[in-house]
Amino acid sequence: MNTSEQAASMGRRRRRRHSAEFKADAVAACLQPSVSIAAVALSRGLNANLLRRWLVEAERTGGLPVRPGGAVPVESSSRFVPVPLSSALTEAMIRIELRSGSGTVIVQWPVSVASECVALLRELTR
């Protein structure tokens, strides 16, 4: 039986209604750190787009704080805090290992001059 026959035998699908408590619980779950809207929606049998609409409505009405990652209001007392960086930053390196029966050759090359590394490899593989 395909889905169109199954839908015809079950009758017309009706729109589901969710209580305000259910919506509030789902929206609150989305506001937890490191939680995806899709995962919350899936666990509650909802479409992620519907849950996202509930989040936007809750934020618009002022019933909830803005979700992390969204627009966060900046407090007037917050100030820029400079962070000192170490002058000895390590540069990313390209590392190539060539193994043969008699040993291993390791080549390390700075990423900033990767084009020269490519030229060397082309010469070696001729």
PDB file of N, CA and C in Angstrom:
ATOM      1  N   MET A   1       0.848  -1.174   0.000  1.00  0.00           N
ATOM      2  CA  MET A   1       0.000   0.000   0.000  1.00  0.00           C
ATOM      3  C   MET A   1       0.891   1.234   0.000  1.00  0.00           C
ATOM      4  N   ASN A   2       0.694   2.134  -0.951  1.00  0.00           N
ATOM      5  CA  ASN A   2       1.507   3.352  -0.972  1.00  0.00           C
ATOM      6  C   ASN A   2       0.881   4.417  -0.069  1.00  0.00           C
ATOM      7  N   THR A   3       1.568   5.515   0.078  1.00  0.00           N
ATOM      8  CA  THR A   3       1.114   6.533   1.032  1.00  0.00           C
ATOM      9  C   THR A   3      -0.181   7.202   0.618  1.00  0.00           C
ATOM     10  N   SER A   4      -0.420   7.341  -0.698  1.00  0.00           N
ATOM     11  CA  SER A   4      -1.667   7.989  -1.115  1.00  0.00           C
ATOM     12  C   SER A   4      -2.870   7.100  -0.805  1.00  0.00           C
ATOM     13  N   GLU A   5      -2.721   5.763  -0.981  1.00  0.00           N
ATOM     14  CA  GLU A   5      -3.805   4.851  -0.620  1.00  0.00           C
ATOM     15  C   GLU A   5      -4.021   4.849   0.891  1.00  0.00           C
ATOM     16  N   GLN A   6      -2.902   4.906   1.633  1.00  0.00           N
ATOM     17  CA  GLN A   6      -2.991   4.902   3.096  1.00  0.00           C
ATOM     18  C   GLN A   6      -3.686   6.166   3.592  1.00  0.00           C
ATOM     19  N   ALA A   7      -3.380   7.303   2.994  1.00  0.00           N
ATOM     20  CA  ALA A   7      -4.002   8.557   3.407  1.00  0.00           C
ATOM     21  C   ALA A   7      -5.484   8.545   3.078  1.00  0.00           C
ATOM     22  N   ALA A   8      -5.836   7.949   1.945  1.00  0.00           N
ATOM     23  CA  ALA A   8      -7.242   7.891   1.559  1.00  0.00           C
ATOM     24  C   ALA A   8      -8.029   6.991   2.495  1.00  0.00           C
ATOM     25  N   SER A   9      -7.408   5.900   2.958  1.00  0.00           N
ATOM     26  CA  SER A   9      -8.122   4.985   3.840  1.00  0.00           C
ATOM     27  C   SER A   9      -8.261   5.548   5.258  1.00  0.00           C
ATOM     28  N   MET A  10      -7.323   6.403   5.682  1.00  0.00           N
ATOM     29  CA  MET A  10      -7.358   6.954   7.035  1.00  0.00           C
ATOM     30  C   MET A  10      -8.216   8.209   7.108  1.00  0.00           C
ATOM     31  N   GLY A  11      -8.556   8.783   5.995  1.00  0.00           N
ATOM     32  CA  GLY A  11      -9.325  10.021   6.023  1.00  0.00           C
ATOM     33  C   GLY A  11      -8.399  11.209   5.961  1.00  0.00           C
ATOM     34  N   ARG A  12      -8.960  12.356   6.048  1.00  0.00           N
ATOM     35  CA  ARG A  12      -8.190  13.584   5.941  1.00  0.00           C
ATOM     36  C   ARG A  12      -7.417  13.853   7.224  1.00  0.00           C
ATOM     37  N   ARG A  13      -6.164  14.255   7.065  1.00  0.00           N
ATOM     38  CA  ARG A  13      -5.311  14.554   8.208  1.00  0.00           C
ATOM     39  C   ARG A  13      -5.719  15.891   8.809  1.00  0.00           C
ATOM     40  N   ARG A  14      -5.828  15.945  10.120  1.00  0.00           N
ATOM     41  CA  ARG A  14      -6.257  17.184  10.795  1.00  0.00           C
ATOM     42  C   ARG A  14      -5.067  17.908  11.388  1.00  0.00           C
ATOM     43  N   ARG A  15      -5.213  19.194  11.477  1.00  0.00           N
ATOM     44  CA  ARG A  15      -4.172  20.027  12.062  1.00  0.00           C
ATOM     45  C   ARG A  15      -4.103  19.774  13.558  1.00  0.00           C
ATOM     46  N   ARG A  16      -2.888  19.601  14.043  1.00  0.00           N
ATOM     47  CA  ARG A  16      -2.729  19.372  15.482  1.00  0.00           C
ATOM     48  C   ARG A  16      -2.727  20.700  16.219  1.00  0.00           C
ATOM     49  N   ARG A  17      -3.215  20.693  17.420  1.00  0.00           N
ATOM     50  CA  ARG A  17      -3.221  21.873  18.292  1.00  0.00           C
ATOM     51  C   ARG A  17      -2.338  21.558  19.493  1.00  0.00           C
ATOM     52  N   HIS A  18      -1.522  22.524  19.872  1.00  0.00           N
ATOM     53  CA  HIS A  18      -0.612  22.333  21.003  1.00  0.00           C
ATOM     54  C   HIS A  18      -0.951  23.345  22.087  1.00  0.00           C
ATOM     55  N   SER A  19      -0.899  22.881  23.308  1.00  0.00           N
ATOM     56  CA  SER A  19      -1.220  23.768  24.429  1.00  0.00           C
ATOM     57  C   SER A  19      -0.108  24.794  24.627  1.00  0.00           C
ATOM     58  N   ALA A  20      -0.435  25.870  25.297  1.00  0.00           N
ATOM     59  CA  ALA A  20       0.556  26.908  25.593  1.00  0.00           C
ATOM     60  C   ALA A  20       1.668  26.356  26.468  1.00  0.00           C
ATOM     61  N   GLU A  21       1.330  25.430  27.360  1.00  0.00           N
ATOM     62  CA  GLU A  21       2.336  24.821  28.232  1.00  0.00           C
ATOM     63  C   GLU A  21       3.316  23.983  27.404  1.00  0.00           C
ATOM     64  N   PHE A  22       2.800  23.217  26.441  1.00  0.00           N
ATOM     65  CA  PHE A  22       3.655  22.406  25.573  1.00  0.00           C
ATOM     66  C   PHE A  22       4.604  23.295  24.772  1.00  0.00           C
ATOM     67  N   LYS A  23       4.069  24.388  24.213  1.00  0.00           N
ATOM     68  CA  LYS A  23       4.882  25.318  23.437  1.00  0.00           C
ATOM     69  C   LYS A  23       5.975  25.944  24.303  1.00  0.00           C
ATOM     70  N   ALA A  24       5.583  26.380  25.501  1.00  0.00           N
ATOM     71  CA  ALA A  24       6.555  27.013  26.406  1.00  0.00           C
ATOM     72  C   ALA A  24       7.655  26.045  26.791  1.00  0.00           C
ATOM     73  N   ASP A  25       7.299  24.787  27.021  1.00  0.00           N
ATOM     74  CA  ASP A  25       8.285  23.768  27.371  1.00  0.00           C
ATOM     75  C   ASP A  25       9.250  23.532  26.211  1.00  0.00           C
ATOM     76  N   ALA A  26       8.726  23.450  24.986  1.00  0.00           N
ATOM     77  CA  ALA A  26       9.571  23.223  23.813  1.00  0.00           C
ATOM     78  C   ALA A  26      10.496  24.416  23.573  1.00  0.00           C
ATOM     79  N   VAL A  27       9.970  25.626  23.703  1.00  0.00           N
ATOM     80  CA  VAL A  27      10.776  26.828  23.512  1.00  0.00           C
ATOM     81  C   VAL A  27      11.857  26.923  24.585  1.00  0.00           C
ATOM     82  N   ALA A  28      11.506  26.606  25.824  1.00  0.00           N
ATOM     83  CA  ALA A  28      12.489  26.644  26.911  1.00  0.00           C
ATOM     84  C   ALA A  28      13.605  25.629  26.668  1.00  0.00           C
ATOM     85  N   ALA A  29      13.258  24.470  26.112  1.00  0.00           N
ATOM     86  CA  ALA A  29      14.280  23.464  25.814  1.00  0.00           C
ATOM     87  C   ALA A  29      15.248  23.971  24.755  1.00  0.00           C
ATOM     88  N   CYS A  30      14.762  24.773  23.810  1.00  0.00           N
ATOM     89  CA  CYS A  30      15.625  25.327  22.765  1.00  0.00           C
ATOM     90  C   CYS A  30      16.603  26.351  23.305  1.00  0.00           C
ATOM     91  N   LEU A  31      16.289  26.957  24.421  1.00  0.00           N
ATOM     92  CA  LEU A  31      17.133  28.005  24.993  1.00  0.00           C
ATOM     93  C   LEU A  31      18.283  27.460  25.815  1.00  0.00           C
ATOM     94  N   GLN A  32      18.330  26.147  26.011  1.00  0.00           N
ATOM     95  CA  GLN A  32      19.431  25.539  26.754  1.00  0.00           C
ATOM     96  C   GLN A  32      20.708  25.622  25.915  1.00  0.00           C
ATOM     97  N   PRO A  33      21.865  25.757  26.553  1.00  0.00           N
ATOM     98  CA  PRO A  33      23.117  25.846  25.799  1.00  0.00           C
ATOM     99  C   PRO A  33      23.398  24.549  25.029  1.00  0.00           C
ATOM    100  N   SER A  34      23.963  24.689  23.864  1.00  0.00           N
ATOM    101  CA  SER A  34      24.391  23.573  23.004  1.00  0.00           C
ATOM    102  C   SER A  34      23.256  22.645  22.608  1.00  0.00           C
ATOM    103  N   VAL A  35      22.065  23.175  22.413  1.00  0.00           N
ATOM    104  CA  VAL A  35      20.923  22.365  21.997  1.00  0.00           C
ATOM    105  C   VAL A  35      20.455  22.887  20.644  1.00  0.00           C
ATOM    106  N   SER A  36      20.241  21.979  19.696  1.00  0.00           N
ATOM    107  CA  SER A  36      19.769  22.413  18.384  1.00  0.00           C
ATOM    108  C   SER A  36      18.246  22.403  18.348  1.00  0.00           C
ATOM    109  N   ILE A  37      17.700  23.327  17.597  1.00  0.00           N
ATOM    110  CA  ILE A  37      16.247  23.405  17.450  1.00  0.00           C
ATOM    111  C   ILE A  37      15.735  22.137  16.795  1.00  0.00           C
ATOM    112  N   ALA A  38      16.471  21.630  15.819  1.00  0.00           N
ATOM    113  CA  ALA A  38      16.047  20.422  15.113  1.00  0.00           C
ATOM    114  C   ALA A  38      15.953  19.225  16.061  1.00  0.00           C
ATOM    115  N   ALA A  39      16.909  19.096  16.973  1.00  0.00           N
ATOM    116  CA  ALA A  39      16.887  17.975  17.907  1.00  0.00           C
ATOM    117  C   ALA A  39      15.704  18.071  18.863  1.00  0.00           C
ATOM    118  N   VAL A  40      15.414  19.270  19.342  1.00  0.00           N
ATOM    119  CA  VAL A  40      14.276  19.464  20.243  1.00  0.00           C
ATOM    120  C   VAL A  40      12.980  19.157  19.498  1.00  0.00           C
ATOM    121  N   ALA A  41      12.872  19.643  18.271  1.00  0.00           N
ATOM    122  CA  ALA A  41      11.664  19.405  17.477  1.00  0.00           C
ATOM    123  C   ALA A  41      11.468  17.913  17.222  1.00  0.00           C
ATOM    124  N   LEU A  42      12.539  17.235  16.858  1.00  0.00           N
ATOM    125  CA  LEU A  42      12.456  15.799  16.578  1.00  0.00           C
ATOM    126  C   LEU A  42      12.033  15.021  17.814  1.00  0.00           C
ATOM    127  N   SER A  43      12.566  15.391  18.967  1.00  0.00           N
ATOM    128  CA  SER A  43      12.228  14.660  20.196  1.00  0.00           C
ATOM    129  C   SER A  43      10.773  14.876  20.617  1.00  0.00           C
ATOM    130  N   ARG A  44      10.164  15.970  20.147  1.00  0.00           N
ATOM    131  CA  ARG A  44       8.774  16.259  20.510  1.00  0.00           C
ATOM    132  C   ARG A  44       7.791  15.995  19.370  1.00  0.00           C
ATOM    133  N   GLY A  45       8.296  15.443  18.257  1.00  0.00           N
ATOM    134  CA  GLY A  45       7.432  15.129  17.130  1.00  0.00           C
ATOM    135  C   GLY A  45       6.936  16.359  16.394  1.00  0.00           C
ATOM    136  N   LEU A  46       7.763  17.403  16.356  1.00  0.00           N
ATOM    137  CA  LEU A  46       7.391  18.661  15.710  1.00  0.00           C
ATOM    138  C   LEU A  46       8.247  18.897  14.479  1.00  0.00           C
ATOM    139  N   ASN A  47       7.781  19.773  13.625  1.00  0.00           N
ATOM    140  CA  ASN A  47       8.582  20.250  12.513  1.00  0.00           C
ATOM    141  C   ASN A  47       9.484  21.353  13.063  1.00  0.00           C
ATOM    142  N   ALA A  48      10.758  21.339  12.676  1.00  0.00           N
ATOM    143  CA  ALA A  48      11.701  22.329  13.186  1.00  0.00           C
ATOM    144  C   ALA A  48      11.300  23.752  12.802  1.00  0.00           C
ATOM    145  N   ASN A  49      10.684  23.915  11.639  1.00  0.00           N
ATOM    146  CA  ASN A  49      10.251  25.259  11.223  1.00  0.00           C
ATOM    147  C   ASN A  49       9.147  25.796  12.124  1.00  0.00           C
ATOM    148  N   LEU A  50       8.249  24.918  12.558  1.00  0.00           N
ATOM    149  CA  LEU A  50       7.184  25.330  13.471  1.00  0.00           C
ATOM    150  C   LEU A  50       7.782  25.769  14.810  1.00  0.00           C
ATOM    151  N   LEU A  51       8.719  24.983  15.327  1.00  0.00           N
ATOM    152  CA  LEU A  51       9.353  25.330  16.598  1.00  0.00           C
ATOM    153  C   LEU A  51      10.135  26.632  16.477  1.00  0.00           C
ATOM    154  N   ARG A  52      10.786  26.849  15.345  1.00  0.00           N
ATOM    155  CA  ARG A  52      11.514  28.103  15.135  1.00  0.00           C
ATOM    156  C   ARG A  52      10.539  29.282  15.137  1.00  0.00           C
ATOM    157  N   ARG A  53       9.347  29.101  14.559  1.00  0.00           N
ATOM    158  CA  ARG A  53       8.327  30.158  14.561  1.00  0.00           C
ATOM    159  C   ARG A  53       7.896  30.466  15.992  1.00  0.00           C
ATOM    160  N   TRP A  54       7.728  29.411  16.808  1.00  0.00           N
ATOM    161  CA  TRP A  54       7.354  29.636  18.212  1.00  0.00           C
ATOM    162  C   TRP A  54       8.439  30.431  18.932  1.00  0.00           C
ATOM    163  N   LEU A  55       9.712  30.145  18.635  1.00  0.00           N
ATOM    164  CA  LEU A  55      10.822  30.880  19.255  1.00  0.00           C
ATOM    165  C   LEU A  55      10.780  32.360  18.867  1.00  0.00           C
ATOM    166  N   VAL A  56      10.586  32.617  17.591  1.00  0.00           N
ATOM    167  CA  VAL A  56      10.536  34.005  17.115  1.00  0.00           C
ATOM    168  C   VAL A  56       9.371  34.740  17.764  1.00  0.00           C
ATOM    169  N   GLU A  57       8.212  34.102  17.837  1.00  0.00           N
ATOM    170  CA  GLU A  57       7.043  34.733  18.461  1.00  0.00           C
ATOM    171  C   GLU A  57       7.297  35.021  19.936  1.00  0.00           C
ATOM    172  N   ALA A  58       7.934  34.073  20.624  1.00  0.00           N
ATOM    173  CA  ALA A  58       8.216  34.271  22.049  1.00  0.00           C
ATOM    174  C   ALA A  58       9.201  35.417  22.251  1.00  0.00           C
ATOM    175  N   GLU A  59      10.195  35.526  21.391  1.00  0.00           N
ATOM    176  CA  GLU A  59      11.167  36.613  21.494  1.00  0.00           C
ATOM    177  C   GLU A  59      10.511  37.957  21.163  1.00  0.00           C
ATOM    178  N   ARG A  60       9.636  37.949  20.165  1.00  0.00           N
ATOM    179  CA  ARG A  60       8.973  39.184  19.740  1.00  0.00           C
ATOM    180  C   ARG A  60       8.041  39.722  20.824  1.00  0.00           C
ATOM    181  N   THR A  61       7.334  38.831  21.503  1.00  0.00           N
ATOM    182  CA  THR A  61       6.398  39.261  22.533  1.00  0.00           C
ATOM    183  C   THR A  61       7.099  39.602  23.834  1.00  0.00           C
ATOM    184  N   GLY A  62       8.383  39.302  23.923  1.00  0.00           N
ATOM    185  CA  GLY A  62       9.137  39.629  25.129  1.00  0.00           C
ATOM    186  C   GLY A  62       8.966  38.618  26.233  1.00  0.00           C
ATOM    187  N   GLY A  63       8.381  37.487  25.922  1.00  0.00           N
ATOM    188  CA  GLY A  63       8.179  36.460  26.930  1.00  0.00           C
ATOM    189  C   GLY A  63       9.430  35.683  27.265  1.00  0.00           C
ATOM    190  N   LEU A  64      10.426  35.750  26.401  1.00  0.00           N
ATOM    191  CA  LEU A  64      11.649  34.990  26.614  1.00  0.00           C
ATOM    192  C   LEU A  64      12.861  35.833  26.283  1.00  0.00           C
ATOM    193  N   PRO A  65      14.010  35.493  26.870  1.00  0.00           N
ATOM    194  CA  PRO A  65      15.238  36.170  26.467  1.00  0.00           C
ATOM    195  C   PRO A  65      15.609  35.728  25.053  1.00  0.00           C
ATOM    196  N   VAL A  66      16.445  36.513  24.396  1.00  0.00           N
ATOM    197  CA  VAL A  66      16.869  36.170  23.051  1.00  0.00           C
ATOM    198  C   VAL A  66      17.722  34.924  23.102  1.00  0.00           C
ATOM    199  N   ARG A  67      17.525  34.010  22.153  1.00  0.00           N
ATOM    200  CA  ARG A  67      18.266  32.749  22.086  1.00  0.00           C
ATOM    201  C   ARG A  67      19.743  33.032  21.825  1.00  0.00           C
ATOM    202  N   PRO A  68      20.652  32.306  22.491  1.00  0.00           N
ATOM    203  CA  PRO A  68      22.077  32.486  22.221  1.00  0.00           C
ATOM    204  C   PRO A  68      22.352  32.299  20.738  1.00  0.00           C
ATOM    205  N   GLY A  69      23.175  33.171  20.169  1.00  0.00           N
ATOM    206  CA  GLY A  69      23.444  33.137  18.744  1.00  0.00           C
ATOM    207  C   GLY A  69      22.596  34.145  17.988  1.00  0.00           C
ATOM    208  N   GLY A  70      21.528  34.598  18.610  1.00  0.00           N
ATOM    209  CA  GLY A  70      20.672  35.604  17.989  1.00  0.00           C
ATOM    210  C   GLY A  70      21.156  36.986  18.380  1.00  0.00           C
ATOM    211  N   ALA A  71      20.339  37.990  18.153  1.00  0.00           N
ATOM    212  CA  ALA A  71      20.708  39.352  18.501  1.00  0.00           C
ATOM    213  C   ALA A  71      20.664  39.506  20.021  1.00  0.00           C
ATOM    214  N   VAL A  72      21.781  39.861  20.585  1.00  0.00           N
ATOM    215  CA  VAL A  72      21.888  40.009  22.029  1.00  0.00           C
ATOM    216  C   VAL A  72      22.034  41.487  22.352  1.00  0.00           C
ATOM    217  N   PRO A  73      21.170  42.021  23.215  1.00  0.00           N
ATOM    218  CA  PRO A  73      21.312  43.433  23.553  1.00  0.00           C
ATOM    219  C   PRO A  73      22.609  43.683  24.322  1.00  0.00           C
ATOM    220  N   VAL A  74      23.286  44.773  23.980  1.00  0.00           N
ATOM    221  CA  VAL A  74      24.555  45.104  24.622  1.00  0.00           C
ATOM    222  C   VAL A  74      24.270  46.073  25.758  1.00  0.00           C
ATOM    223  N   GLU A  75      24.804  45.763  26.924  1.00  0.00           N
ATOM    224  CA  GLU A  75      24.620  46.641  28.070  1.00  0.00           C
ATOM    225  C   GLU A  75      25.494  47.872  27.910  1.00  0.00           C
ATOM    226  N   SER A  76      25.006  48.997  28.380  1.00  0.00           N
ATOM    227  CA  SER A  76      25.762  50.235  28.242  1.00  0.00           C
ATOM    228  C   SER A  76      27.015  50.236  29.117  1.00  0.00           C
ATOM    229  N   SER A  77      27.056  49.419  30.165  1.00  0.00           N
ATOM    230  CA  SER A  77      28.220  49.387  31.041  1.00  0.00           C
ATOM    231  C   SER A  77      29.325  48.482  30.517  1.00  0.00           C
ATOM    232  N   SER A  78      29.042  47.665  29.461  1.00  0.00           N
ATOM    233  CA  SER A  78      30.081  46.778  28.950  1.00  0.00           C
ATOM    234  C   SER A  78      31.114  47.591  28.178  1.00  0.00           C
ATOM    235  N   ARG A  79      32.358  47.187  28.317  1.00  0.00           N
ATOM    236  CA  ARG A  79      33.446  47.902  27.661  1.00  0.00           C
ATOM    237  C   ARG A  79      34.360  46.900  26.976  1.00  0.00           C
ATOM    238  N   PHE A  80      35.102  47.388  26.040  1.00  0.00           N
ATOM    239  CA  PHE A  80      36.065  46.565  25.347  1.00  0.00           C
ATOM    240  C   PHE A  80      37.212  46.246  26.298  1.00  0.00           C
ATOM    241  N   VAL A  81      37.584  44.989  26.337  1.00  0.00           N
ATOM    242  CA  VAL A  81      38.690  44.573  27.186  1.00  0.00           C
ATOM    243  C   VAL A  81      39.795  44.037  26.286  1.00  0.00           C
ATOM    244  N   PRO A  82      40.924  44.706  26.211  1.00  0.00           N
ATOM    245  CA  PRO A  82      42.007  44.228  25.359  1.00  0.00           C
ATOM    246  C   PRO A  82      42.631  42.959  25.946  1.00  0.00           C
ATOM    247  N   VAL A  83      42.976  42.059  25.069  1.00  0.00           N
ATOM    248  CA  VAL A  83      43.609  40.806  25.489  1.00  0.00           C
ATOM    249  C   VAL A  83      45.000  40.780  24.883  1.00  0.00           C
ATOM    250  N   PRO A  84      46.040  40.725  25.723  1.00  0.00           N
ATOM    251  CA  PRO A  84      47.397  40.697  25.181  1.00  0.00           C
ATOM    252  C   PRO A  84      47.677  39.351  24.522  1.00  0.00           C
ATOM    253  N   LEU A  85      48.328  39.412  23.359  1.00  0.00           N
ATOM    254  CA  LEU A  85      48.696  38.201  22.649  1.00  0.00           C
ATOM    255  C   LEU A  85      50.192  37.970  22.767  1.00  0.00           C
ATOM    256  N   SER A  86      50.543  36.726  22.801  1.00  0.00           N
ATOM    257  CA  SER A  86      51.951  36.375  22.865  1.00  0.00           C
ATOM    258  C   SER A  86      52.615  36.742  21.548  1.00  0.00           C
ATOM    259  N   SER A  87      53.826  37.291  21.607  1.00  0.00           N
ATOM    260  CA  SER A  87      54.534  37.663  20.384  1.00  0.00           C
ATOM    261  C   SER A  87      55.112  36.441  19.687  1.00  0.00           C
ATOM    262  N   ALA A  88      55.195  35.341  20.397  1.00  0.00           N
ATOM    263  CA  ALA A  88      55.772  34.114  19.831  1.00  0.00           C
ATOM    264  C   ALA A  88      54.656  33.167  19.382  1.00  0.00           C
ATOM    265  N   LEU A  89      53.831  33.652  18.448  1.00  0.00           N
ATOM    266  CA  LEU A  89      52.778  32.796  17.928  1.00  0.00           C
ATOM    267  C   LEU A  89      53.399  31.767  16.991  1.00  0.00           C
ATOM    268  N   THR A  90      52.960  30.542  17.096  1.00  0.00           N
ATOM    269  CA  THR A  90      53.499  29.500  16.234  1.00  0.00           C
ATOM    270  C   THR A  90      52.751  29.505  14.909  1.00  0.00           C
ATOM    271  N   GLU A  91      53.490  29.385  13.844  1.00  0.00           N
ATOM    272  CA  GLU A  91      52.908  29.383  12.512  1.00  0.00           C
ATOM    273  C   GLU A  91      52.476  27.964  12.154  1.00  0.00           C
ATOM    274  N   ALA A  92      51.368  27.862  11.447  1.00  0.00           N
ATOM    275  CA  ALA A  92      50.891  26.556  11.004  1.00  0.00           C
ATOM    276  C   ALA A  92      51.893  25.976  10.014  1.00  0.00           C
ATOM    277  N   MET A  93      52.068  24.671  10.093  1.00  0.00           N
ATOM    278  CA  MET A  93      53.059  24.006   9.256  1.00  0.00           C
ATOM    279  C   MET A  93      52.406  22.916   8.414  1.00  0.00           C
ATOM    280  N   ILE A  94      52.959  22.717   7.223  1.00  0.00           N
ATOM    281  CA  ILE A  94      52.600  21.585   6.382  1.00  0.00           C
ATOM    282  C   ILE A  94      53.568  20.473   6.758  1.00  0.00           C
ATOM    283  N   ARG A  95      53.040  19.292   7.011  1.00  0.00           N
ATOM    284  CA  ARG A  95      53.905  18.165   7.394  1.00  0.00           C
ATOM    285  C   ARG A  95      53.674  17.022   6.413  1.00  0.00           C
ATOM    286  N   ILE A  96      54.741  16.578   5.796  1.00  0.00           N
ATOM    287  CA  ILE A  96      54.675  15.489   4.829  1.00  0.00           C
ATOM    288  C   ILE A  96      55.628  14.397   5.275  1.00  0.00           C
ATOM    289  N   GLU A  97      55.127  13.164   5.355  1.00  0.00           N
ATOM    290  CA  GLU A  97      55.950  12.007   5.700  1.00  0.00           C
ATOM    291  C   GLU A  97      56.041  11.091   4.501  1.00  0.00           C
ATOM    292  N   LEU A  98      57.249  10.769   4.104  1.00  0.00           N
ATOM    293  CA  LEU A  98      57.489   9.831   3.006  1.00  0.00           C
ATOM    294  C   LEU A  98      58.167   8.601   3.599  1.00  0.00           C
ATOM    295  N   ARG A  99      57.510   7.475   3.521  1.00  0.00           N
ATOM    296  CA  ARG A  99      58.048   6.239   4.097  1.00  0.00           C
ATOM    297  C   ARG A  99      58.507   5.309   2.990  1.00  0.00           C
ATOM    298  N   SER A 100      59.639   4.690   3.240  1.00  0.00           N
ATOM    299  CA  SER A 100      60.140   3.654   2.336  1.00  0.00           C
ATOM    300  C   SER A 100      60.686   2.527   3.192  1.00  0.00           C
ATOM    301  N   GLY A 101      61.156   1.487   2.562  1.00  0.00           N
ATOM    302  CA  GLY A 101      61.659   0.340   3.319  1.00  0.00           C
ATOM    303  C   GLY A 101      62.854   0.680   4.186  1.00  0.00           C
ATOM    304  N   SER A 102      63.674   1.644   3.765  1.00  0.00           N
ATOM    305  CA  SER A 102      64.887   1.966   4.517  1.00  0.00           C
ATOM    306  C   SER A 102      64.699   3.067   5.551  1.00  0.00           C
ATOM    307  N   GLY A 103      63.572   3.771   5.534  1.00  0.00           N
ATOM    308  CA  GLY A 103      63.385   4.828   6.517  1.00  0.00           C
ATOM    309  C   GLY A 103      62.239   5.756   6.167  1.00  0.00           C
ATOM    310  N   THR A 104      62.200   6.874   6.894  1.00  0.00           N
ATOM    311  CA  THR A 104      61.139   7.854   6.718  1.00  0.00           C
ATOM    312  C   THR A 104      61.757   9.229   6.582  1.00  0.00           C
ATOM    313  N   VAL A 105      61.248   9.999   5.609  1.00  0.00           N
ATOM    314  CA  VAL A 105      61.673  11.381   5.436  1.00  0.00           C
ATOM    315  C   VAL A 105      60.483  12.257   5.817  1.00  0.00           C
ATOM    316  N   ILE A 106      60.731  13.205   6.730  1.00  0.00           N
ATOM    317  CA  ILE A 106      59.678  14.120   7.168  1.00  0.00           C
ATOM    318  C   ILE A 106      60.048  15.522   6.706  1.00  0.00           C
ATOM    319  N   VAL A 107      59.099  16.160   5.985  1.00  0.00           N
ATOM    320  CA  VAL A 107      59.296  17.526   5.520  1.00  0.00           C
ATOM    321  C   VAL A 107      58.264  18.397   6.209  1.00  0.00           C
ATOM    322  N   GLN A 108      58.733  19.475   6.868  1.00  0.00           N
ATOM    323  CA  GLN A 108      57.828  20.453   7.469  1.00  0.00           C
ATOM    324  C   GLN A 108      58.057  21.777   6.772  1.00  0.00           C
ATOM    325  N   TRP A 109      56.931  22.410   6.379  1.00  0.00           N
ATOM    326  CA  TRP A 109      57.012  23.625   5.591  1.00  0.00           C
ATOM    327  C   TRP A 109      55.992  24.629   6.123  1.00  0.00           C
ATOM    328  N   PRO A 110      56.362  25.898   6.268  1.00  0.00           N
ATOM    329  CA  PRO A 110      55.398  26.898   6.741  1.00  0.00           C
ATOM    330  C   PRO A 110      54.249  27.081   5.735  1.00  0.00           C
ATOM    331  N   VAL A 111      53.039  27.191   6.240  1.00  0.00           N
ATOM    332  CA  VAL A 111      51.868  27.371   5.388  1.00  0.00           C
ATOM    333  C   VAL A 111      51.956  28.677   4.618  1.00  0.00           C
ATOM    334  N   SER A 112      52.602  29.677   5.168  1.00  0.00           N
ATOM    335  CA  SER A 112      52.677  30.986   4.516  1.00  0.00           C
ATOM    336  C   SER A 112      53.396  30.929   3.174  1.00  0.00           C
ATOM    337  N   VAL A 113      54.231  29.914   2.954  1.00  0.00           N
ATOM    338  CA  VAL A 113      54.930  29.753   1.676  1.00  0.00           C
ATOM    339  C   VAL A 113      54.584  28.389   1.067  1.00  0.00           C
ATOM    340  N   ALA A 114      53.310  28.054   1.095  1.00  0.00           N
ATOM    341  CA  ALA A 114      52.847  26.762   0.594  1.00  0.00           C
ATOM    342  C   ALA A 114      53.130  26.590  -0.899  1.00  0.00           C
ATOM    343  N   SER A 115      53.117  27.684  -1.652  1.00  0.00           N
ATOM    344  CA  SER A 115      53.373  27.577  -3.096  1.00  0.00           C
ATOM    345  C   SER A 115      54.775  27.042  -3.368  1.00  0.00           C
ATOM    346  N   GLU A 116      55.745  27.401  -2.541  1.00  0.00           N
ATOM    347  CA  GLU A 116      57.101  26.882  -2.698  1.00  0.00           C
ATOM    348  C   GLU A 116      57.152  25.390  -2.370  1.00  0.00           C
ATOM    349  N   CYS A 117      56.341  24.967  -1.407  1.00  0.00           N
ATOM    350  CA  CYS A 117      56.266  23.543  -1.063  1.00  0.00           C
ATOM    351  C   CYS A 117      55.706  22.752  -2.247  1.00  0.00           C
ATOM    352  N   VAL A 118      54.697  23.312  -2.901  1.00  0.00           N
ATOM    353  CA  VAL A 118      54.105  22.668  -4.077  1.00  0.00           C
ATOM    354  C   VAL A 118      55.145  22.531  -5.176  1.00  0.00           C
ATOM    355  N   ALA A 119      55.940  23.589  -5.391  1.00  0.00           N
ATOM    356  CA  ALA A 119      56.982  23.552  -6.422  1.00  0.00           C
ATOM    357  C   ALA A 119      58.011  22.469  -6.110  1.00  0.00           C
ATOM    358  N   LEU A 120      58.404  22.349  -4.844  1.00  0.00           N
ATOM    359  CA  LEU A 120      59.355  21.304  -4.444  1.00  0.00           C
ATOM    360  C   LEU A 120      58.782  19.911  -4.704  1.00  0.00           C
ATOM    361  N   LEU A 121      57.530  19.699  -4.339  1.00  0.00           N
ATOM    362  CA  LEU A 121      56.907  18.398  -4.543  1.00  0.00           C
ATOM    363  C   LEU A 121      56.791  18.053  -6.029  1.00  0.00           C
ATOM    364  N   ARG A 122      56.506  19.045  -6.859  1.00  0.00           N
ATOM    365  CA  ARG A 122      56.446  18.804  -8.309  1.00  0.00           C
ATOM    366  C   ARG A 122      57.803  18.370  -8.848  1.00  0.00           C
ATOM    367  N   GLU A 123      58.863  19.014  -8.372  1.00  0.00           N
ATOM    368  CA  GLU A 123      60.215  18.657  -8.812  1.00  0.00           C
ATOM    369  C   GLU A 123      60.572  17.246  -8.355  1.00  0.00           C
ATOM    370  N   LEU A 124      60.191  16.896  -7.153  1.00  0.00           N
ATOM    371  CA  LEU A 124      60.523  15.562  -6.609  1.00  0.00           C
ATOM    372  C   LEU A 124      59.771  14.443  -7.318  1.00  0.00           C
ATOM    373  N   THR A 125      58.578  14.728  -7.795  1.00  0.00           N
ATOM    374  CA  THR A 125      57.763  13.686  -8.400  1.00  0.00           C
ATOM    375  C   THR A 125      57.928  13.568  -9.910  1.00  0.00           C
ATOM    376  N   ARG A 126      58.860  14.303 -10.497  1.00  0.00           N
ATOM    377  CA  ARG A 126      59.108  14.210 -11.943  1.00  0.00           C
ATOM    378  C   ARG A 126      59.788  12.934 -12.302  1.00  0.00           C
TER     379      ARG A 126
END
